[in-house]
Amino acid sequence: MADDDGVVGVSRLSVSNVLKAAQEREAKEHEKRQRLANGELGLDIYNMRPRLEKEGLVYLDNLNDYEQLLKGK
């Protein structure tokens, strides 16, 4: 198999499974591109806010949030 990204060899016995997995991945990537195009942040798509919080970090959505954080200190 080959495309713009490169070439890969696939066993004839695995072709059906590989094709199905590739199509599923492509559909997920399309969905994520749509979500990003609609303004959703990768931070939310990939559920990163809890991970940031666990590490003691805070994601601020805008300058006003930053100003409020400074006032709270």
N, C-alpha and C. Protein backbone atom coordinates (compact mmCIF):
# COMPACT_ATOMS: atom_id res chain seq x y z
N MET A 1 0.84 -1.16 0.00
CA MET A 1 0.00 0.00 0.00
C MET A 1 0.90 1.24 0.00
N ALA A 2 0.44 2.27 -0.66
CA ALA A 2 1.21 3.51 -0.70
C ALA A 2 0.25 4.70 -0.79
N ASP A 3 0.67 5.80 -0.18
CA ASP A 3 -0.06 7.05 -0.31
C ASP A 3 0.93 8.20 -0.22
N ASP A 4 0.45 9.42 -0.01
CA ASP A 4 1.31 10.59 0.04
C ASP A 4 2.28 10.56 1.22
N ASP A 5 1.94 9.80 2.26
CA ASP A 5 2.78 9.74 3.46
C ASP A 5 3.86 8.68 3.39
N GLY A 6 3.73 7.72 2.48
CA GLY A 6 4.75 6.69 2.40
C GLY A 6 4.20 5.37 1.89
N VAL A 7 4.97 4.33 2.14
CA VAL A 7 4.67 2.99 1.66
C VAL A 7 4.74 2.02 2.83
N VAL A 8 3.84 1.05 2.84
CA VAL A 8 3.86 0.02 3.88
C VAL A 8 3.47 -1.32 3.25
N GLY A 9 4.11 -2.37 3.72
CA GLY A 9 3.77 -3.71 3.26
C GLY A 9 2.74 -4.32 4.20
N VAL A 10 1.72 -4.98 3.63
CA VAL A 10 0.67 -5.60 4.43
C VAL A 10 0.46 -7.02 3.91
N SER A 11 0.47 -7.96 4.83
CA SER A 11 0.22 -9.35 4.47
C SER A 11 -1.17 -9.50 3.86
N ARG A 12 -1.29 -10.33 2.84
CA ARG A 12 -2.61 -10.55 2.22
C ARG A 12 -3.64 -11.00 3.25
N LEU A 13 -3.20 -11.76 4.23
CA LEU A 13 -4.12 -12.26 5.26
C LEU A 13 -4.62 -11.14 6.18
N SER A 14 -3.89 -10.04 6.23
CA SER A 14 -4.24 -8.94 7.12
C SER A 14 -4.91 -7.77 6.43
N VAL A 15 -5.01 -7.81 5.11
CA VAL A 15 -5.50 -6.66 4.36
C VAL A 15 -6.87 -6.19 4.84
N SER A 16 -7.79 -7.09 5.04
CA SER A 16 -9.15 -6.68 5.46
C SER A 16 -9.12 -5.97 6.81
N ASN A 17 -8.39 -6.53 7.77
CA ASN A 17 -8.32 -5.92 9.10
C ASN A 17 -7.60 -4.58 9.06
N VAL A 18 -6.53 -4.50 8.29
CA VAL A 18 -5.77 -3.25 8.18
C VAL A 18 -6.62 -2.17 7.51
N LEU A 19 -7.33 -2.55 6.46
CA LEU A 19 -8.21 -1.59 5.78
C LEU A 19 -9.29 -1.08 6.71
N LYS A 20 -9.91 -1.96 7.47
CA LYS A 20 -10.96 -1.55 8.40
C LYS A 20 -10.39 -0.59 9.45
N ALA A 21 -9.24 -0.93 10.01
CA ALA A 21 -8.62 -0.07 11.03
C ALA A 21 -8.26 1.30 10.44
N ALA A 22 -7.76 1.30 9.21
CA ALA A 22 -7.39 2.57 8.56
C ALA A 22 -8.63 3.43 8.33
N GLN A 23 -9.71 2.82 7.90
CA GLN A 23 -10.94 3.58 7.67
C GLN A 23 -11.50 4.15 8.97
N GLU A 24 -11.42 3.36 10.05
CA GLU A 24 -11.88 3.85 11.35
C GLU A 24 -11.03 5.02 11.82
N ARG A 25 -9.73 4.90 11.64
CA ARG A 25 -8.82 6.00 12.04
C ARG A 25 -9.11 7.25 11.23
N GLU A 26 -9.30 7.09 9.93
CA GLU A 26 -9.59 8.23 9.07
C GLU A 26 -10.88 8.92 9.49
N ALA A 27 -11.90 8.14 9.86
CA ALA A 27 -13.16 8.72 10.30
C ALA A 27 -12.98 9.51 11.59
N LYS A 28 -12.19 8.97 12.52
CA LYS A 28 -11.92 9.68 13.78
C LYS A 28 -11.16 10.98 13.53
N GLU A 29 -10.18 10.92 12.64
CA GLU A 29 -9.42 12.13 12.31
C GLU A 29 -10.32 13.19 11.66
N HIS A 30 -11.22 12.74 10.80
CA HIS A 30 -12.15 13.68 10.16
C HIS A 30 -13.03 14.34 11.22
N GLU A 31 -13.53 13.54 12.15
CA GLU A 31 -14.38 14.08 13.21
C GLU A 31 -13.61 15.11 14.04
N LYS A 32 -12.35 14.82 14.38
CA LYS A 32 -11.57 15.76 15.17
C LYS A 32 -11.28 17.04 14.39
N ARG A 33 -11.01 16.91 13.10
CA ARG A 33 -10.79 18.12 12.28
C ARG A 33 -12.04 18.98 12.26
N GLN A 34 -13.20 18.35 12.18
CA GLN A 34 -14.46 19.10 12.20
C GLN A 34 -14.65 19.82 13.53
N ARG A 35 -14.37 19.12 14.62
CA ARG A 35 -14.51 19.73 15.94
C ARG A 35 -13.56 20.91 16.10
N LEU A 36 -12.32 20.76 15.64
CA LEU A 36 -11.38 21.87 15.69
C LEU A 36 -11.83 23.03 14.82
N ALA A 37 -12.35 22.73 13.64
CA ALA A 37 -12.84 23.77 12.73
C ALA A 37 -14.02 24.51 13.34
N ASN A 38 -14.78 23.83 14.19
CA ASN A 38 -15.92 24.46 14.85
C ASN A 38 -15.52 25.24 16.10
N GLY A 39 -14.21 25.29 16.37
CA GLY A 39 -13.73 26.10 17.48
C GLY A 39 -13.44 25.37 18.77
N GLU A 40 -13.67 24.07 18.79
CA GLU A 40 -13.38 23.31 20.01
C GLU A 40 -11.86 23.18 20.16
N LEU A 41 -11.38 23.32 21.35
CA LEU A 41 -9.95 23.26 21.61
C LEU A 41 -9.47 21.81 21.70
N GLY A 42 -8.28 21.58 21.19
CA GLY A 42 -7.66 20.26 21.33
C GLY A 42 -7.55 19.88 22.80
N LEU A 43 -7.37 20.88 23.64
CA LEU A 43 -7.31 20.69 25.08
C LEU A 43 -8.55 19.95 25.59
N ASP A 44 -9.70 20.28 25.04
CA ASP A 44 -10.94 19.64 25.46
C ASP A 44 -11.20 18.33 24.70
N ILE A 45 -10.88 18.32 23.42
CA ILE A 45 -11.07 17.11 22.63
C ILE A 45 -10.29 15.95 23.23
N TYR A 46 -9.07 16.24 23.66
CA TYR A 46 -8.20 15.19 24.20
C TYR A 46 -8.24 15.12 25.73
N ASN A 47 -9.23 15.80 26.33
CA ASN A 47 -9.47 15.76 27.78
C ASN A 47 -8.20 16.08 28.58
N MET A 48 -7.55 17.17 28.24
CA MET A 48 -6.29 17.53 28.88
C MET A 48 -6.46 18.37 30.15
N ARG A 49 -7.60 19.00 30.33
CA ARG A 49 -7.77 19.88 31.51
C ARG A 49 -7.52 19.13 32.82
N PRO A 50 -8.10 17.92 33.01
CA PRO A 50 -7.82 17.20 34.27
C PRO A 50 -6.34 16.86 34.43
N ARG A 51 -5.67 16.54 33.35
CA ARG A 51 -4.24 16.22 33.43
C ARG A 51 -3.43 17.45 33.82
N LEU A 52 -3.79 18.60 33.25
CA LEU A 52 -3.10 19.83 33.62
C LEU A 52 -3.32 20.14 35.10
N GLU A 53 -4.58 20.01 35.53
CA GLU A 53 -4.93 20.29 36.92
C GLU A 53 -4.16 19.36 37.86
N LYS A 54 -4.04 18.11 37.49
CA LYS A 54 -3.31 17.14 38.30
C LYS A 54 -1.86 17.56 38.49
N GLU A 55 -1.30 18.22 37.49
CA GLU A 55 0.08 18.69 37.55
C GLU A 55 0.20 20.08 38.17
N GLY A 56 -0.95 20.63 38.62
CA GLY A 56 -0.92 21.93 39.26
C GLY A 56 -0.98 23.10 38.29
N LEU A 57 -1.35 22.81 37.05
CA LEU A 57 -1.44 23.85 36.03
C LEU A 57 -2.88 24.25 35.79
N VAL A 58 -3.08 25.48 35.35
CA VAL A 58 -4.42 25.98 35.06
C VAL A 58 -4.42 26.55 33.65
N TYR A 59 -5.36 26.12 32.83
CA TYR A 59 -5.51 26.69 31.49
C TYR A 59 -6.50 27.83 31.59
N LEU A 60 -6.10 29.00 31.14
CA LEU A 60 -6.97 30.16 31.16
C LEU A 60 -7.50 30.40 29.76
N ASP A 61 -8.81 30.49 29.65
CA ASP A 61 -9.45 30.64 28.35
C ASP A 61 -9.30 32.03 27.75
N ASN A 62 -9.08 33.03 28.61
CA ASN A 62 -8.98 34.40 28.09
C ASN A 62 -8.25 35.29 29.09
N LEU A 63 -7.98 36.51 28.68
CA LEU A 63 -7.26 37.47 29.50
C LEU A 63 -8.03 37.80 30.78
N ASN A 64 -9.34 37.87 30.69
CA ASN A 64 -10.15 38.16 31.87
C ASN A 64 -9.94 37.10 32.95
N ASP A 65 -9.86 35.85 32.56
CA ASP A 65 -9.59 34.77 33.53
C ASP A 65 -8.26 35.00 34.22
N TYR A 66 -7.27 35.44 33.45
CA TYR A 66 -5.94 35.71 34.01
C TYR A 66 -6.01 36.85 35.01
N GLU A 67 -6.72 37.91 34.66
CA GLU A 67 -6.85 39.05 35.55
C GLU A 67 -7.57 38.65 36.84
N GLN A 68 -8.58 37.82 36.73
CA GLN A 68 -9.30 37.34 37.92
C GLN A 68 -8.39 36.47 38.79
N LEU A 69 -7.55 35.68 38.15
CA LEU A 69 -6.61 34.85 38.91
C LEU A 69 -5.62 35.72 39.68
N LEU A 70 -5.14 36.79 39.05
CA LEU A 70 -4.21 37.70 39.72
C LEU A 70 -4.87 38.39 40.91
N LYS A 71 -6.12 38.77 40.75
CA LYS A 71 -6.84 39.45 41.85
C LYS A 71 -7.04 38.50 43.04
N GLY A 72 -7.16 37.24 42.75
CA GLY A 72 -7.39 36.25 43.80
C GLY A 72 -6.15 35.94 44.61
N LYS A 73 -4.98 36.36 44.12
CA LYS A 73 -3.73 36.05 44.86
C LYS A 73 -3.44 37.08 45.90
